Every structure is written in C-alpha cells, then in structure tokens.
PDB file of N, CA and C in Angstrom:
ATOM      1  N   UNK A   1     113.831  67.321 106.745  1.00  0.00           N
ATOM      2  CA  UNK A   1     114.621  67.906 105.779  1.00  0.00           C
ATOM      3  C   UNK A   1     114.031  69.580 105.617  1.00  0.00           C
ATOM      4  N   UNK A   2     115.049  70.247 105.682  1.00  0.00           N
ATOM      5  CA  UNK A   2     114.966  71.614 105.445  1.00  0.00           C
ATOM      6  C   UNK A   2     115.048  72.126 103.923  1.00  0.00           C
ATOM      7  N   UNK A   3     114.475  73.260 103.713  1.00  0.00           N
ATOM      8  CA  UNK A   3     114.749  73.890 102.314  1.00  0.00           C
ATOM      9  C   UNK A   3     114.958  75.460 102.406  1.00  0.00           C
ATOM     10  N   UNK A   4     115.555  75.940 101.665  1.00  0.00           N
ATOM     11  CA  UNK A   4     116.143  77.399 101.416  1.00  0.00           C
ATOM     12  C   UNK A   4     115.843  77.816 100.192  1.00  0.00           C
ATOM     13  N   UNK A   5     115.355  79.455 100.336  1.00  0.00           N
ATOM     14  CA  UNK A   5     115.024  80.076  99.263  1.00  0.00           C
ATOM     15  C   UNK A   5     115.589  81.547  99.306  1.00  0.00           C
ATOM     16  N   UNK A   6     116.300  81.862  98.500  1.00  0.00           N
ATOM     17  CA  UNK A   6     117.039  83.539  98.568  1.00  0.00           C
ATOM     18  C   UNK A   6     116.167  84.329  97.499  1.00  0.00           C
ATOM     19  N   UNK A   7     116.020  85.474  98.133  1.00  0.00           N
ATOM     20  CA  UNK A   7     115.469  86.966  97.024  1.00  0.00           C
ATOM     21  C   UNK A   7     116.687  87.907  97.177  1.00  0.00           C
ATOM     22  N   UNK A   8     117.252  88.216  96.058  1.00  0.00           N
ATOM     23  CA  UNK A   8     118.490  88.709  95.742  1.00  0.00           C
ATOM     24  C   UNK A   8     118.128  89.941  95.270  1.00  0.00           C
ATOM     25  N   UNK A   9     118.425  91.462  95.893  1.00  0.00           N
ATOM     26  CA  UNK A   9     118.565  92.206  95.220  1.00  0.00           C
ATOM     27  C   UNK A   9     116.925  93.178  95.240  1.00  0.00           C
ATOM     28  N   UNK A  10     115.964  93.117  96.231  1.00  0.00           N
ATOM     29  CA  UNK A  10     114.870  93.079  95.930  1.00  0.00           C
ATOM     30  C   UNK A  10     114.784  94.567  96.550  1.00  0.00           C
ATOM     31  N   UNK A  11     114.332  95.698  95.557  1.00  0.00           N
ATOM     32  CA  UNK A  11     114.324  96.823  95.616  1.00  0.00           C
ATOM     33  C   UNK A  11     113.113  97.568  96.695  1.00  0.00           C
ATOM     34  N   UNK A  12     113.941  97.274  98.025  1.00  0.00           N
ATOM     35  CA  UNK A  12     113.131  97.788  99.265  1.00  0.00           C
ATOM     36  C   UNK A  12     113.968  97.581 100.568  1.00  0.00           C
ATOM     37  N   UNK A  13     114.043  99.267 101.543  1.00  0.00           N
ATOM     38  CA  UNK A  13     114.755  98.870 102.492  1.00  0.00           C
ATOM     39  C   UNK A  13     114.526  97.631 103.319  1.00  0.00           C
ATOM     40  N   UNK A  14     115.975  97.467 103.921  1.00  0.00           N
ATOM     41  CA  UNK A  14     115.688  96.263 104.920  1.00  0.00           C
ATOM     42  C   UNK A  14     114.677  96.601 105.925  1.00  0.00           C
ATOM     43  N   UNK A  15     114.934  97.739 106.628  1.00  0.00           N
ATOM     44  CA  UNK A  15     113.881  98.187 107.530  1.00  0.00           C
ATOM     45  C   UNK A  15     112.628  97.631 107.500  1.00  0.00           C
ATOM     46  N   UNK A  16     111.828  97.965 106.264  1.00  0.00           N
ATOM     47  CA  UNK A  16     110.732  97.826 105.595  1.00  0.00           C
ATOM     48  C   UNK A  16     109.977  96.110 105.677  1.00  0.00           C
ATOM     49  N   UNK A  17     111.249  95.584 105.217  1.00  0.00           N
ATOM     50  CA  UNK A  17     111.077  93.799 104.863  1.00  0.00           C
ATOM     51  C   UNK A  17     111.520  93.159 106.221  1.00  0.00           C
ATOM     52  N   UNK A  18     111.980  94.109 106.767  1.00  0.00           N
ATOM     53  CA  UNK A  18     112.475  93.030 108.291  1.00  0.00           C
ATOM     54  C   UNK A  18     111.164  92.810 109.046  1.00  0.00           C
ATOM     55  N   UNK A  19     110.494  94.042 108.955  1.00  0.00           N
ATOM     56  CA  UNK A  19     108.760  94.331 110.001  1.00  0.00           C
ATOM     57  C   UNK A  19     107.865  93.062 109.262  1.00  0.00           C
ATOM     58  N   UNK A  20     108.413  92.584 108.220  1.00  0.00           N
ATOM     59  CA  UNK A  20     107.368  91.582 108.007  1.00  0.00           C
ATOM     60  C   UNK A  20     108.278  90.336 108.214  1.00  0.00           C
ATOM     61  N   UNK A  21     109.426  90.171 107.870  1.00  0.00           N
ATOM     62  CA  UNK A  21     110.051  88.645 108.240  1.00  0.00           C
ATOM     63  C   UNK A  21     109.629  88.268 109.478  1.00  0.00           C
ATOM     64  N   UNK A  22     109.884  89.523 110.635  1.00  0.00           N
ATOM     65  CA  UNK A  22     109.923  89.070 112.135  1.00  0.00           C
ATOM     66  C   UNK A  22     108.180  88.592 112.122  1.00  0.00           C
ATOM     67  N   UNK A  23     107.288  89.273 111.331  1.00  0.00           N
ATOM     68  CA  UNK A  23     105.864  88.783 111.937  1.00  0.00           C
ATOM     69  C   UNK A  23     105.802  87.258 111.118  1.00  0.00           C
ATOM     70  N   UNK A  24     106.417  86.783 110.168  1.00  0.00           N
ATOM     71  CA  UNK A  24     106.144  85.399 109.987  1.00  0.00           C
ATOM     72  C   UNK A  24     107.520  84.210 110.347  1.00  0.00           C
ATOM     73  N   UNK A  25     107.975  84.681 111.321  1.00  0.00           N
ATOM     74  CA  UNK A  25     109.128  83.938 111.702  1.00  0.00           C
ATOM     75  C   UNK A  25     108.435  82.912 112.998  1.00  0.00           C
ATOM     76  N   UNK A  26     108.871  81.923 112.492  1.00  0.00           N
ATOM     77  CA  UNK A  26     108.230  80.517 113.405  1.00  0.00           C
ATOM     78  C   UNK A  26     106.885  80.226 113.272  1.00  0.00           C
ATOM     79  N   UNK A  27     105.888  80.911 112.110  1.00  0.00           N
ATOM     80  CA  UNK A  27     104.478  80.593 111.755  1.00  0.00           C
ATOM     81  C   UNK A  27     104.834  79.324 111.266  1.00  0.00           C
ATOM     82  N   UNK A  28     103.558  78.678 111.139  1.00  0.00           N
ATOM     83  CA  UNK A  28     103.280  77.515 109.962  1.00  0.00           C
ATOM     84  C   UNK A  28     103.163  77.970 108.578  1.00  0.00           C
ATOM     85  N   UNK A  29     103.549  77.613 107.459  1.00  0.00           N
ATOM     86  CA  UNK A  29     103.539  77.625 106.212  1.00  0.00           C
ATOM     87  C   UNK A  29     102.294  78.362 105.847  1.00  0.00           C
ATOM     88  N   UNK A  30     101.028  77.744 105.793  1.00  0.00           N
ATOM     89  CA  UNK A  30     100.059  78.234 105.603  1.00  0.00           C
ATOM     90  C   UNK A  30      99.437  79.432 106.273  1.00  0.00           C
ATOM     91  N   UNK A  31      99.712  79.573 107.363  1.00  0.00           N
ATOM     92  CA  UNK A  31      99.321  80.826 108.184  1.00  0.00           C
ATOM     93  C   UNK A  31     100.338  82.111 107.789  1.00  0.00           C
ATOM     94  N   UNK A  32     101.546  81.719 107.794  1.00  0.00           N
ATOM     95  CA  UNK A  32     102.224  82.674 106.938  1.00  0.00           C
ATOM     96  C   UNK A  32     101.631  83.164 105.499  1.00  0.00           C
ATOM     97  N   UNK A  33     101.380  82.275 104.753  1.00  0.00           N
ATOM     98  CA  UNK A  33     100.759  82.377 103.567  1.00  0.00           C
ATOM     99  C   UNK A  33      99.961  83.492 103.381  1.00  0.00           C
ATOM    100  N   UNK A  34      99.002  83.096 104.231  1.00  0.00           N
ATOM    101  CA  UNK A  34      97.724  83.950 104.558  1.00  0.00           C
ATOM    102  C   UNK A  34      97.880  85.336 104.927  1.00  0.00           C
ATOM    103  N   UNK A  35      99.464  85.306 105.927  1.00  0.00           N
ATOM    104  CA  UNK A  35      99.072  86.687 106.465  1.00  0.00           C
ATOM    105  C   UNK A  35      99.800  87.585 105.437  1.00  0.00           C
ATOM    106  N   UNK A  36     100.561  87.200 104.782  1.00  0.00           N
ATOM    107  CA  UNK A  36     101.464  88.060 103.469  1.00  0.00           C
ATOM    108  C   UNK A  36     100.304  88.356 102.567  1.00  0.00           C
ATOM    109  N   UNK A  37      99.672  87.257 102.202  1.00  0.00           N
ATOM    110  CA  UNK A  37      98.546  87.503 101.181  1.00  0.00           C
ATOM    111  C   UNK A  37      97.800  88.971 101.220  1.00  0.00           C
ATOM    112  N   UNK A  38      97.324  89.010 102.872  1.00  0.00           N
ATOM    113  CA  UNK A  38      96.400  90.071 102.674  1.00  0.00           C
ATOM    114  C   UNK A  38      97.278  91.179 103.670  1.00  0.00           C
ATOM    115  N   UNK A  39      98.378  91.174 103.723  1.00  0.00           N
ATOM    116  CA  UNK A  39      99.044  92.139 104.324  1.00  0.00           C
ATOM    117  C   UNK A  39      99.063  93.376 103.808  1.00  0.00           C
ATOM    118  N   UNK A  40      98.869  94.721 103.975  1.00  0.00           N
ATOM    119  CA  UNK A  40      98.753  95.781 103.021  1.00  0.00           C
ATOM    120  C   UNK A  40     100.251  96.486 102.969  1.00  0.00           C
ATOM    121  N   UNK A  41     101.451  96.027 103.918  1.00  0.00           N
ATOM    122  CA  UNK A  41     102.752  96.473 103.386  1.00  0.00           C
ATOM    123  C   UNK A  41     103.214  96.027 102.052  1.00  0.00           C
ATOM    124  N   UNK A  42     103.850  97.020 101.090  1.00  0.00           N
ATOM    125  CA  UNK A  42     104.219  96.582  99.782  1.00  0.00           C
ATOM    126  C   UNK A  42     105.109  95.376  99.575  1.00  0.00           C
ATOM    127  N   UNK A  43     105.905  94.994 100.938  1.00  0.00           N
ATOM    128  CA  UNK A  43     107.139  93.859 100.173  1.00  0.00           C
ATOM    129  C   UNK A  43     106.421  92.706 100.604  1.00  0.00           C
ATOM    130  N   UNK A  44     105.460  92.481 101.166  1.00  0.00           N
ATOM    131  CA  UNK A  44     104.285  91.465 101.006  1.00  0.00           C
ATOM    132  C   UNK A  44     104.386  90.444  99.916  1.00  0.00           C
ATOM    133  N   UNK A  45     103.944  91.038  98.876  1.00  0.00           N
ATOM    134  CA  UNK A  45     104.008  89.962  97.869  1.00  0.00           C
ATOM    135  C   UNK A  45     105.584  89.569  97.026  1.00  0.00           C
ATOM    136  N   UNK A  46     106.414  90.032  97.151  1.00  0.00           N
ATOM    137  CA  UNK A  46     107.424  89.387  96.810  1.00  0.00           C
ATOM    138  C   UNK A  46     108.102  88.261  98.296  1.00  0.00           C
ATOM    139  N   UNK A  47     107.848  88.584  99.299  1.00  0.00           N
ATOM    140  CA  UNK A  47     107.862  87.614 100.157  1.00  0.00           C
ATOM    141  C   UNK A  47     106.894  86.610 100.315  1.00  0.00           C
ATOM    142  N   UNK A  48     105.674  86.759  99.771  1.00  0.00           N
ATOM    143  CA  UNK A  48     104.860  85.715  99.886  1.00  0.00           C
ATOM    144  C   UNK A  48     105.517  84.384  98.475  1.00  0.00           C
ATOM    145  N   UNK A  49     105.900  85.046  97.618  1.00  0.00           N
ATOM    146  CA  UNK A  49     106.590  84.408  96.447  1.00  0.00           C
ATOM    147  C   UNK A  49     108.070  83.094  96.894  1.00  0.00           C
ATOM    148  N   UNK A  50     108.478  84.313  97.431  1.00  0.00           N
ATOM    149  CA  UNK A  50     109.863  83.716  98.289  1.00  0.00           C
ATOM    150  C   UNK A  50     109.300  82.498  98.998  1.00  0.00           C
ATOM    151  N   UNK A  51     108.289  82.595  99.985  1.00  0.00           N
ATOM    152  CA  UNK A  51     108.138  81.443 100.536  1.00  0.00           C
ATOM    153  C   UNK A  51     107.366  80.157 100.394  1.00  0.00           C
ATOM    154  N   UNK A  52     106.577  80.674  98.709  1.00  0.00           N
ATOM    155  CA  UNK A  52     106.243  79.578  98.147  1.00  0.00           C
ATOM    156  C   UNK A  52     106.924  78.977  97.329  1.00  0.00           C
ATOM    157  N   UNK A  53     108.122  79.978  96.925  1.00  0.00           N
ATOM    158  CA  UNK A  53     109.288  78.814  96.193  1.00  0.00           C
ATOM    159  C   UNK A  53     110.398  78.111  97.296  1.00  0.00           C
ATOM    160  N   UNK A  54     110.433  78.546  98.569  1.00  0.00           N
ATOM    161  CA  UNK A  54     111.023  77.525  99.346  1.00  0.00           C
ATOM    162  C   UNK A  54     110.237  76.499  99.708  1.00  0.00           C
ATOM    163  N   UNK A  55     108.658  76.542  99.749  1.00  0.00           N
ATOM    164  CA  UNK A  55     107.990  75.357 100.036  1.00  0.00           C
ATOM    165  C   UNK A  55     107.895  74.341  98.340  1.00  0.00           C
ATOM    166  N   UNK A  56     108.293  75.000  97.565  1.00  0.00           N
ATOM    167  CA  UNK A  56     108.903  74.259  96.129  1.00  0.00           C
ATOM    168  C   UNK A  56     110.060  73.533  96.447  1.00  0.00           C
ATOM    169  N   UNK A  57     110.955  73.899  96.721  1.00  0.00           N
ATOM    170  CA  UNK A  57     111.879  73.221  97.037  1.00  0.00           C
ATOM    171  C   UNK A  57     112.053  72.591  97.999  1.00  0.00           C
ATOM    172  N   UNK A  58     111.335  72.720  99.028  1.00  0.00           N
ATOM    173  CA  UNK A  58     111.198  71.313 100.281  1.00  0.00           C
ATOM    174  C   UNK A  58     110.136  70.040  99.552  1.00  0.00           C
ATOM    175  N   UNK A  59     109.356  70.451  98.598  1.00  0.00           N
ATOM    176  CA  UNK A  59     109.008  69.630  97.416  1.00  0.00           C
ATOM    177  C   UNK A  59     109.865  68.385  96.988  1.00  0.00           C
ATOM    178  N   UNK A  60     110.725  69.242  95.992  1.00  0.00           N
ATOM    179  CA  UNK A  60     111.603  68.538  95.548  1.00  0.00           C
ATOM    180  C   UNK A  60     112.719  67.767  95.911  1.00  0.00           C
ATOM    181  N   UNK A  61     113.332  67.890  97.544  1.00  0.00           N
ATOM    182  CA  UNK A  61     113.825  67.364  98.536  1.00  0.00           C
ATOM    183  C   UNK A  61     113.044  65.969  98.532  1.00  0.00           C
ATOM    184  N   UNK A  62     111.769  66.382  98.959  1.00  0.00           N
ATOM    185  CA  UNK A  62     111.243  65.262 100.010  1.00  0.00           C
ATOM    186  C   UNK A  62     109.844  64.981  98.894  1.00  0.00           C
ATOM    187  N   UNK A  63     110.308  64.234  97.836  1.00  0.00           N
ATOM    188  CA  UNK A  63     109.257  63.752  96.702  1.00  0.00           C
ATOM    189  C   UNK A  63     107.983  62.695  97.303  1.00  0.00           C
ATOM    190  N   UNK A  64     108.630  61.827  98.382  1.00  0.00           N
ATOM    191  CA  UNK A  64     107.332  60.926  99.132  1.00  0.00           C
ATOM    192  C   UNK A  64     106.941  61.385  99.788  1.00  0.00           C
ATOM    193  N   UNK A  65     107.208  62.606 100.487  1.00  0.00           N
ATOM    194  CA  UNK A  65     106.255  63.357 101.451  1.00  0.00           C
ATOM    195  C   UNK A  65     105.672  64.167 100.908  1.00  0.00           C
ATOM    196  N   UNK A  66     103.588  64.399 101.566  1.00  0.00           N
ATOM    197  CA  UNK A  66     103.069  65.497 101.340  1.00  0.00           C
ATOM    198  C   UNK A  66     103.148  66.830 102.406  1.00  0.00           C
ATOM    199  N   UNK A  67     102.797  67.792 101.554  1.00  0.00           N
ATOM    200  CA  UNK A  67     103.311  69.185 102.227  1.00  0.00           C
ATOM    201  C   UNK A  67     102.166  69.332 103.505  1.00  0.00           C
ATOM    202  N   UNK A  68     100.903  68.700 103.160  1.00  0.00           N
ATOM    203  CA  UNK A  68      99.670  69.044 104.213  1.00  0.00           C
ATOM    204  C   UNK A  68     100.122  68.118 105.236  1.00  0.00           C
ATOM    205  N   UNK A  69     100.668  66.960 105.126  1.00  0.00           N
ATOM    206  CA  UNK A  69     101.197  65.400 106.507  1.00  0.00           C
ATOM    207  C   UNK A  69     102.406  66.334 107.277  1.00  0.00           C
ATOM    208  N   UNK A  70     103.205  67.181 106.632  1.00  0.00           N
ATOM    209  CA  UNK A  70     104.906  67.390 106.794  1.00  0.00           C
ATOM    210  C   UNK A  70     104.621  68.015 108.088  1.00  0.00           C
ATOM    211  N   UNK A  71     103.840  69.311 107.957  1.00  0.00           N
ATOM    212  CA  UNK A  71     103.687  70.262 109.327  1.00  0.00           C
ATOM    213  C   UNK A  71     105.006  71.421 108.809  1.00  0.00           C
ATOM    214  N   UNK A  72     105.234  71.739 107.828  1.00  0.00           N
ATOM    215  CA  UNK A  72     106.148  73.035 107.371  1.00  0.00           C
ATOM    216  C   UNK A  72     105.603  73.914 108.348  1.00  0.00           C
ATOM    217  N   UNK A  73     106.884  74.756 108.614  1.00  0.00           N
ATOM    218  CA  UNK A  73     106.907  76.041 109.605  1.00  0.00           C
ATOM    219  C   UNK A  73     107.990  76.648 108.623  1.00  0.00           C
ATOM    220  N   UNK A  74     108.113  78.256 109.179  1.00  0.00           N
ATOM    221  CA  UNK A  74     109.030  79.126 108.806  1.00  0.00           C
ATOM    222  C   UNK A  74     110.311  79.209 109.689  1.00  0.00           C
ATOM    223  N   UNK A  75     111.062  78.327 109.522  1.00  0.00           N
ATOM    224  CA  UNK A  75     112.159  77.822 110.692  1.00  0.00           C
ATOM    225  C   UNK A  75     113.075  79.123 110.623  1.00  0.00           C
ATOM    226  N   UNK A  76     113.557  79.942 110.037  1.00  0.00           N
ATOM    227  CA  UNK A  76     114.605  80.933 110.042  1.00  0.00           C
ATOM    228  C   UNK A  76     114.162  82.178 108.724  1.00  0.00           C
ATOM    229  N   UNK A  77     114.068  83.037 108.974  1.00  0.00           N
ATOM    230  CA  UNK A  77     113.887  84.329 107.849  1.00  0.00           C
ATOM    231  C   UNK A  77     115.169  85.338 108.321  1.00  0.00           C
ATOM    232  N   UNK A  78     115.841  85.882 107.456  1.00  0.00           N
ATOM    233  CA  UNK A  78     116.891  86.589 107.390  1.00  0.00           C
ATOM    234  C   UNK A  78     116.702  87.847 106.649  1.00  0.00           C
ATOM    235  N   UNK A  79     116.997  89.256 106.675  1.00  0.00           N
ATOM    236  CA  UNK A  79     117.241  89.786 105.685  1.00  0.00           C
ATOM    237  C   UNK A  79     118.586  90.874 106.196  1.00  0.00           C
ATOM    238  N   UNK A  80     119.244  91.212 105.082  1.00  0.00           N
ATOM    239  CA  UNK A  80     120.404  91.867 104.888  1.00  0.00           C
ATOM    240  C   UNK A  80     120.302  92.734 104.040  1.00  0.00           C
ATOM    241  N   UNK A  81     120.873  93.821 104.419  1.00  0.00           N
ATOM    242  CA  UNK A  81     121.228  94.704 103.243  1.00  0.00           C
ATOM    243  C   UNK A  81     121.572  94.507 101.505  1.00  0.00           C
ATOM    244  N   UNK A  82     121.480  94.858 100.752  1.00  0.00           N
ATOM    245  CA  UNK A  82     122.022  94.925  99.408  1.00  0.00           C
ATOM    246  C   UNK A  82     122.631  96.180  99.098  1.00  0.00           C
ATOM    247  N   UNK A  83     122.691  96.262  97.679  1.00  0.00           N
ATOM    248  CA  UNK A  83     123.191  97.338  97.243  1.00  0.00           C
ATOM    249  C   UNK A  83     122.587  98.661  97.268  1.00  0.00           C
ATOM    250  N   UNK A  84     123.391 100.041  97.622  1.00  0.00           N
ATOM    251  CA  UNK A  84     122.421 100.878  97.195  1.00  0.00           C
ATOM    252  C   UNK A  84     122.853 101.997  95.888  1.00  0.00           C
ATOM    253  N   UNK A  85     121.676 102.271  95.253  1.00  0.00           N
ATOM    254  CA  UNK A  85     121.692 103.184  93.933  1.00  0.00           C
ATOM    255  C   UNK A  85     121.866 104.532  94.800  1.00  0.00           C
ATOM    256  N   UNK A  86     122.644 105.439  94.272  1.00  0.00           N
ATOM    257  CA  UNK A  86     122.656 106.835  94.895  1.00  0.00           C
ATOM    258  C   UNK A  86     122.250 107.568  93.905  1.00  0.00           C
ATOM    259  N   UNK A  87     121.492 108.508  93.982  1.00  0.00           N
ATOM    260  CA  UNK A  87     121.014 109.377  93.134  1.00  0.00           C
ATOM    261  C   UNK A  87     121.183 110.686  93.549  1.00  0.00           C
ATOM    262  N   UNK A  88     121.142 112.007  92.371  1.00  0.00           N
ATOM    263  CA  UNK A  88     120.728 112.938  93.142  1.00  0.00           C
ATOM    264  C   UNK A  88     119.570 113.897  92.702  1.00  0.00           C
ATOM    265  N   UNK A  89     118.933 114.449  93.733  1.00  0.00           N
ATOM    266  CA  UNK A  89     117.704 115.211  93.666  1.00  0.00           C
ATOM    267  C   UNK A  89     117.957 116.252  93.619  1.00  0.00           C
ATOM    268  N   UNK A  90     117.112 117.356  92.699  1.00  0.00           N
ATOM    269  CA  UNK A  90     117.503 119.188  92.896  1.00  0.00           C
ATOM    270  C   UNK A  90     117.020 119.465  94.131  1.00  0.00           C
ATOM    271  N   UNK A  91     117.823 120.573  94.781  1.00  0.00           N
ATOM    272  CA  UNK A  91     117.546 121.211  95.774  1.00  0.00           C
ATOM    273  C   UNK A  91     117.703 122.426  95.751  1.00  0.00           C
ATOM    274  N   UNK A  92     117.133 123.161  96.606  1.00  0.00           N
ATOM    275  CA  UNK A  92     117.183 124.677  96.099  1.00  0.00           C
ATOM    276  C   UNK A  92     118.604 125.485  96.146  1.00  0.00           C
ATOM    277  N   UNK A  93     118.996 126.489  95.631  1.00  0.00           N
ATOM    278  CA  UNK A  93     119.962 127.234  95.586  1.00  0.00           C
ATOM    279  C   UNK A  93     120.802 126.617  94.724  1.00  0.00           C
ATOM    280  N   UNK A  94     120.636 125.673  93.800  1.00  0.00           N
ATOM    281  CA  UNK A  94     121.842 125.007  93.029  1.00  0.00           C
ATOM    282  C   UNK A  94     122.213 123.788  93.373  1.00  0.00           C
ATOM    283  N   UNK A  95     121.656 123.520  94.774  1.00  0.00           N
ATOM    284  CA  UNK A  95     122.369 122.336  95.325  1.00  0.00           C
ATOM    285  C   UNK A  95     121.626 120.776  94.966  1.00  0.00           C
ATOM    286  N   UNK A  96     122.602 119.757  95.450  1.00  0.00           N
ATOM    287  CA  UNK A  96     121.925 118.392  95.090  1.00  0.00           C
ATOM    288  C   UNK A  96     121.937 117.765  96.422  1.00  0.00           C
ATOM    289  N   UNK A  97     120.719 117.079  96.890  1.00  0.00           N
ATOM    290  CA  UNK A  97     120.597 116.530  97.770  1.00  0.00           C
ATOM    291  C   UNK A  97     120.379 114.798  97.464  1.00  0.00           C
ATOM    292  N   UNK A  98     121.114 114.015  98.257  1.00  0.00           N
ATOM    293  CA  UNK A  98     121.555 112.608  98.005  1.00  0.00           C
ATOM    294  C   UNK A  98     120.230 111.566  98.043  1.00  0.00           C
ATOM    295  N   UNK A  99     120.226 110.643  97.419  1.00  0.00           N
ATOM    296  CA  UNK A  99     118.829 109.925  97.482  1.00  0.00           C
ATOM    297  C   UNK A  99     119.368 108.864  97.475  1.00  0.00           C
ATOM    298  N   UNK A 100     119.481 107.684  98.452  1.00  0.00           N
ATOM    299  CA  UNK A 100     119.594 106.627  98.253  1.00  0.00           C
ATOM    300  C   UNK A 100     118.885 105.653  98.020  1.00  0.00           C
ATOM    301  N   UNK A 101     118.592 104.721  97.078  1.00  0.00           N
ATOM    302  CA  UNK A 101     117.805 103.688  96.633  1.00  0.00           C
ATOM    303  C   UNK A 101     118.425 102.279  97.367  1.00  0.00           C
ATOM    304  N   UNK A 102     117.731 101.810  98.213  1.00  0.00           N
ATOM    305  CA  UNK A 102     118.208 100.637  99.093  1.00  0.00           C
ATOM    306  C   UNK A 102     117.677  99.781  98.672  1.00  0.00           C
ATOM    307  N   UNK A 103     117.996  98.396  98.652  1.00  0.00           N
ATOM    308  CA  UNK A 103     117.562  97.196  98.514  1.00  0.00           C
ATOM    309  C   UNK A 103     118.457  95.835  99.498  1.00  0.00           C
ATOM    310  N   UNK A 104     117.748  94.827  99.288  1.00  0.00           N
ATOM    311  CA  UNK A 104     117.807  93.919 100.219  1.00  0.00           C
ATOM    312  C   UNK A 104     117.878  92.276 100.055  1.00  0.00           C
ATOM    313  N   UNK A 105     118.542  91.695 100.534  1.00  0.00           N
ATOM    314  CA  UNK A 105     118.447  90.136 100.694  1.00  0.00           C
ATOM    315  C   UNK A 105     117.864  89.738 101.362  1.00  0.00           C
ATOM    316  N   UNK A 106     116.811  88.985 100.881  1.00  0.00           N
ATOM    317  CA  UNK A 106     115.961  87.735 101.799  1.00  0.00           C
ATOM    318  C   UNK A 106     116.569  86.220 101.859  1.00  0.00           C
ATOM    319  N   UNK A 107     116.620  85.590 103.053  1.00  0.00           N
ATOM    320  CA  UNK A 107     116.409  84.263 102.986  1.00  0.00           C
ATOM    321  C   UNK A 107     115.852  83.534 104.052  1.00  0.00           C
ATOM    322  N   UNK A 108     115.352  82.727 103.437  1.00  0.00           N
ATOM    323  CA  UNK A 108     113.942  81.981 104.151  1.00  0.00           C
ATOM    324  C   UNK A 108     114.402  80.102 104.179  1.00  0.00           C
ATOM    325  N   UNK A 109     113.797  79.494 105.642  1.00  0.00           N
ATOM    326  CA  UNK A 109     114.591  78.418 105.681  1.00  0.00           C
ATOM    327  C   UNK A 109     112.674  77.455 105.984  1.00  0.00           C
ATOM    328  N   UNK A 110     112.247  76.658 105.530  1.00  0.00           N
ATOM    329  CA  UNK A 110     111.120  75.997 105.969  1.00  0.00           C
ATOM    330  C   UNK A 110     111.910  74.502 105.975  1.00  0.00           C
ATOM    331  N   UNK A 111     111.136  73.868 107.358  1.00  0.00           N
ATOM    332  CA  UNK A 111     111.216  72.977 107.860  1.00  0.00           C
ATOM    333  C   UNK A 111     110.085  71.948 108.226  1.00  0.00           C
ATOM    334  N   UNK A 112     110.332  70.721 108.249  1.00  0.00           N
ATOM    335  CA  UNK A 112     108.864  70.092 108.745  1.00  0.00           C
ATOM    336  C   UNK A 112     109.067  69.580 110.633  1.00  0.00           C
ATOM    337  N   UNK A 113     108.170  69.539 111.100  1.00  0.00           N
ATOM    338  CA  UNK A 113     107.852  69.412 112.510  1.00  0.00           C
ATOM    339  C   UNK A 113     108.369  68.190 112.688  1.00  0.00           C
ATOM    340  N   UNK A 114     107.418  67.003 111.874  1.00  0.00           N
ATOM    341  CA  UNK A 114     107.649  65.857 112.159  1.00  0.00           C
ATOM    342  C   UNK A 114     109.252  65.194 111.568  1.00  0.00           C
ATOM    343  N   UNK A 115     109.548  64.375 112.463  1.00  0.00           N
ATOM    344  CA  UNK A 115     110.847  63.825 111.623  1.00  0.00           C
ATOM    345  C   UNK A 115     110.841  62.845 110.490  1.00  0.00           C
ATOM    346  N   UNK A 116     111.902  63.072 109.550  1.00  0.00           N
ATOM    347  CA  UNK A 116     111.661  62.277 108.488  1.00  0.00           C
ATOM    348  C   UNK A 116     111.591  60.670 108.481  1.00  0.00           C
ATOM    349  N   UNK A 117     111.431  60.110 107.632  1.00  0.00           N
ATOM    350  CA  UNK A 117     111.027  58.815 107.792  1.00  0.00           C
ATOM    351  C   UNK A 117     113.116  58.275 107.895  1.00  0.00           C
ATOM    352  N   UNK A 118     113.603  58.905 106.790  1.00  0.00           N
ATOM    353  CA  UNK A 118     114.985  58.794 106.682  1.00  0.00           C
ATOM    354  C   UNK A 118     115.866  58.949 108.226  1.00  0.00           C
ATOM    355  N   UNK A 119     115.132  60.392 108.664  1.00  0.00           N
ATOM    356  CA  UNK A 119     115.981  60.599 109.818  1.00  0.00           C
ATOM    357  C   UNK A 119     115.778  59.532 111.187  1.00  0.00           C
ATOM    358  N   UNK A 120     114.527  59.241 111.257  1.00  0.00           N
ATOM    359  CA  UNK A 120     113.955  58.361 112.103  1.00  0.00           C
ATOM    360  C   UNK A 120     115.103  56.457 111.966  1.00  0.00           C
ATOM    361  N   UNK A 121     115.703  56.190 110.788  1.00  0.00           N
ATOM    362  CA  UNK A 121     116.197  55.106 110.764  1.00  0.00           C
ATOM    363  C   UNK A 121     117.561  55.380 110.847  1.00  0.00           C
ATOM    364  N   UNK A 122     118.190  56.493 110.715  1.00  0.00           N
ATOM    365  CA  UNK A 122     119.129  57.189 110.804  1.00  0.00           C
ATOM    366  C   UNK A 122     119.895  56.932 112.552  1.00  0.00           C
ATOM    367  N   UNK A 123     118.721  57.216 113.193  1.00  0.00           N
ATOM    368  CA  UNK A 123     118.805  57.743 114.673  1.00  0.00           C
ATOM    369  C   UNK A 123     118.943  55.967 115.057  1.00  0.00           C
ATOM    370  N   UNK A 124     118.035  55.821 114.618  1.00  0.00           N
ATOM    371  CA  UNK A 124     117.906  54.094 115.133  1.00  0.00           C
ATOM    372  C   UNK A 124     119.316  53.367 114.937  1.00  0.00           C
ATOM    373  N   UNK A 125     119.965  53.600 113.956  1.00  0.00           N
ATOM    374  CA  UNK A 125     121.102  52.617 113.881  1.00  0.00           C
ATOM    375  C   UNK A 125     122.119  53.191 115.020  1.00  0.00           C
ATOM    376  N   UNK A 126     122.258  54.765 114.987  1.00  0.00           N
ATOM    377  CA  UNK A 126     123.155  55.243 116.079  1.00  0.00           C
ATOM    378  C   UNK A 126     123.165  54.824 117.478  1.00  0.00           C
TER     379      UNK A 126
END
C-alpha cells in the first residue's frame, strides 16, 4: 500500500528542486534519506523532511507492518510550479528590474516492494 506526502509553496525554484527529485526517484527510502542528508544543495533539507513525512504516513496506513521489512522505495516524485512573488529591484537611470521569487509544490509517493498480506488475500479470491 502506498502513502503520499505533499510540500506546498516551498520557496525554491522548480528547476533546483527537480534536480534532487530526479536523484532520489526509484531509490530505497533509507538510501534516499542518506543521499538527501549529505547533499550540498539547499532544497535537500525540506525534501528530506517530506520523505520522512511520507514514511510516517505509510506507517499510519500499515500499523501491523514494519518499515524495515516492507522494503519501502520512492515510487514517484514530481515537482510542480507554485506561486511567484514579483518584486522590483532598483536599476540604473531610475528604472526597476523585475525579480521573480519562485516557489514549488512537491509530491512524494512511497510504496513497499513486497505485496501486503491483504493484497495477497484479495488476489487469491479473484
């Protein structure tokens, strides 16, 4: 059974966040957490917290299963653009340059590699 976690309006451009999302897509959760913990890019912190939140959501759905035995992996990660704050920066000769402060929305889905016991029972009845 899969679990989802979403991060909304993170103040980082989508391009910077997608570099990290592409890095952890398809990895086991433990390995992805280690990669994010020691990665030098600044969006790795919020992405690590989001991954931990997705694992916690998975625990809530599957109270009888253990995380270590489930073989959790990052099933999907996608980054969408959020709202953009538009600001003005002083420029030469009385002009103003527009500064766009971008944000993004990140969604992570984690799933277990082993089929759950409930899934096996449902498959046997069909």
